[in-house]
């Protein structure tokens, strides 16, 4: 009988955000950044959102939205897969790690919705994807 196990995770991407996460008002969504999984076809990913120093309000969070491109058309920034992570209310840089993000075998568009209660920092913001798969042994 075969046994399914986690495969060794892939290498973490470079910072996909560039300046996309800088100075995003509370309640706003960033422009999209592209993560192309059409060659590797990884199944899952860990998405890390690093925010420069802020002081979120109580109940503040960030939401990762993933929309797809089918090779011809790109979905509007509505629907898609969404993953929400709460933020601590202390002052300082924030790191939100979203585990088990479903990756698709296509070029994906990632955006972040800021519900922290404050505007994101003007710099020091980053977004990474580290993919992985399963293996059958």
Protein backbone atom coordinates (compact mmCIF):
# COMPACT_ATOMS: atom_id res chain seq x y z
CA UNK A 1 0.00 0.00 0.00
CA UNK A 2 1.33 3.43 -0.93
CA UNK A 3 1.78 6.11 1.70
CA UNK A 4 1.25 9.81 0.98
CA UNK A 5 3.69 12.14 2.71
CA UNK A 6 4.62 15.80 2.47
CA UNK A 7 7.34 16.43 -0.09
CA UNK A 8 10.21 18.78 0.69
CA UNK A 9 8.91 22.36 0.33
CA UNK A 10 10.10 24.44 -2.59
CA UNK A 11 12.16 27.58 -2.29
CA UNK A 12 10.46 30.74 -1.05
CA UNK A 13 9.77 33.23 -3.84
CA UNK A 14 11.38 36.61 -4.01
CA UNK A 15 9.35 39.51 -2.58
CA UNK A 16 6.34 39.63 -4.93
CA UNK A 17 4.89 42.80 -3.41
CA UNK A 18 7.50 45.37 -4.42
CA UNK A 19 5.60 48.54 -3.33
CA UNK A 20 2.10 47.07 -3.77
CA UNK A 21 1.42 46.85 -0.01
CA UNK A 22 2.69 50.35 0.80
CA UNK A 23 0.24 52.91 2.26
CA UNK A 24 -2.94 50.88 1.68
CA UNK A 25 -5.89 52.52 3.45
CA UNK A 26 -7.97 50.52 5.89
CA UNK A 27 -10.74 48.69 4.02
CA UNK A 28 -8.86 48.87 0.71
CA UNK A 29 -7.45 46.14 -1.49
CA UNK A 30 -4.03 46.20 -3.11
CA UNK A 31 -3.32 45.93 -6.78
CA UNK A 32 -2.67 42.33 -7.83
CA UNK A 33 0.70 40.66 -7.97
CA UNK A 34 1.28 37.61 -10.15
CA UNK A 35 2.40 34.19 -9.03
CA UNK A 36 2.82 31.84 -11.98
CA UNK A 37 2.39 28.18 -11.07
CA UNK A 38 1.75 26.96 -14.63
CA UNK A 39 5.16 25.28 -14.93
CA UNK A 40 5.72 23.80 -11.44
CA UNK A 41 2.05 22.96 -10.78
CA UNK A 42 2.57 22.91 -7.01
CA UNK A 43 -0.46 21.92 -4.93
CA UNK A 44 -0.08 24.08 -1.83
CA UNK A 45 1.78 27.08 -0.54
CA UNK A 46 2.62 29.06 2.52
CA UNK A 47 1.99 32.75 1.89
CA UNK A 48 3.84 35.18 4.13
CA UNK A 49 2.63 38.78 4.41
CA UNK A 50 5.08 41.07 6.19
CA UNK A 51 3.85 44.53 7.12
CA UNK A 52 6.02 47.42 8.21
CA UNK A 53 5.44 48.94 11.64
CA UNK A 54 1.75 49.66 12.34
CA UNK A 55 -0.60 49.55 15.34
CA UNK A 56 -3.71 47.63 14.23
CA UNK A 57 -7.07 48.22 15.86
CA UNK A 58 -8.65 45.51 17.99
CA UNK A 59 -10.01 42.84 15.63
CA UNK A 60 -7.75 44.01 12.79
CA UNK A 61 -6.83 41.55 10.06
CA UNK A 62 -5.51 41.11 6.56
CA UNK A 63 -7.11 38.94 3.88
CA UNK A 64 -5.28 37.28 1.01
CA UNK A 65 -7.40 36.96 -2.15
CA UNK A 66 -6.43 34.66 -5.02
CA UNK A 67 -8.01 35.09 -8.43
CA UNK A 68 -7.07 33.20 -11.57
CA UNK A 69 -6.05 33.70 -15.16
CA UNK A 70 -7.24 30.90 -17.45
CA UNK A 71 -4.60 31.63 -20.05
CA UNK A 72 -6.76 34.17 -21.85
CA UNK A 73 -8.86 36.06 -19.31
CA UNK A 74 -8.17 37.25 -15.79
CA UNK A 75 -10.91 37.12 -13.17
CA UNK A 76 -12.10 40.35 -11.58
CA UNK A 77 -11.07 40.94 -7.97
CA UNK A 78 -14.28 39.49 -6.57
CA UNK A 79 -14.74 36.03 -5.13
CA UNK A 80 -11.75 33.79 -5.52
CA UNK A 81 -10.14 32.01 -2.60
CA UNK A 82 -9.81 34.18 0.50
CA UNK A 83 -7.72 33.62 3.61
CA UNK A 84 -8.06 35.97 6.60
CA UNK A 85 -5.46 36.30 9.36
CA UNK A 86 -5.90 38.38 12.53
CA UNK A 87 -3.21 40.87 13.55
CA UNK A 88 -1.93 41.65 17.03
CA UNK A 89 -2.68 45.15 18.34
CA UNK A 90 0.86 45.90 19.52
CA UNK A 91 2.95 48.51 17.71
CA UNK A 92 5.56 47.08 15.37
CA UNK A 93 6.10 45.10 12.22
CA UNK A 94 3.59 42.31 11.61
CA UNK A 95 4.07 38.89 10.05
CA UNK A 96 1.02 36.95 8.88
CA UNK A 97 1.68 33.41 7.66
CA UNK A 98 -1.13 31.67 5.82
CA UNK A 99 -0.72 27.93 5.67
CA UNK A 100 -2.30 25.47 3.23
CA UNK A 101 -3.07 28.00 0.53
CA UNK A 102 -4.42 26.07 -2.44
CA UNK A 103 -2.34 26.75 -5.54
CA UNK A 104 -3.69 26.24 -9.05
CA UNK A 105 -1.74 25.08 -12.14
CA UNK A 106 -2.18 28.53 -13.70
CA UNK A 107 -0.97 32.08 -13.40
CA UNK A 108 -2.61 33.40 -10.23
CA UNK A 109 -3.27 36.94 -9.04
CA UNK A 110 -2.72 37.66 -5.36
CA UNK A 111 -4.06 40.75 -3.60
CA UNK A 112 -4.33 41.76 0.04
CA UNK A 113 -7.31 43.40 1.71
CA UNK A 114 -6.30 45.63 4.62
CA UNK A 115 -8.77 45.44 7.50
CA UNK A 116 -6.23 46.36 10.16
CA UNK A 117 -8.02 49.56 11.18
CA UNK A 118 -5.08 51.69 10.00
CA UNK A 119 -3.19 52.44 6.79
CA UNK A 120 -0.29 50.07 6.10
CA UNK A 121 3.22 51.39 6.48
CA UNK A 122 4.74 53.38 3.61
CA UNK A 123 7.60 50.86 3.35
CA UNK A 124 8.85 47.57 4.73
CA UNK A 125 5.97 45.48 3.35
CA UNK A 126 6.60 42.13 1.66
CA UNK A 127 4.75 39.14 0.19
CA UNK A 128 6.24 35.66 -0.36
CA UNK A 129 5.01 32.25 -1.55
CA UNK A 130 6.72 28.99 -0.58
CA UNK A 131 5.18 26.06 -2.49
CA UNK A 132 5.04 22.38 -1.66
CA UNK A 133 3.44 19.12 -2.76
CA UNK A 134 2.68 15.63 -1.58
CA UNK A 135 4.63 12.56 -2.57
CA UNK A 136 3.57 8.93 -2.66
CA UNK A 137 6.09 6.45 -1.31
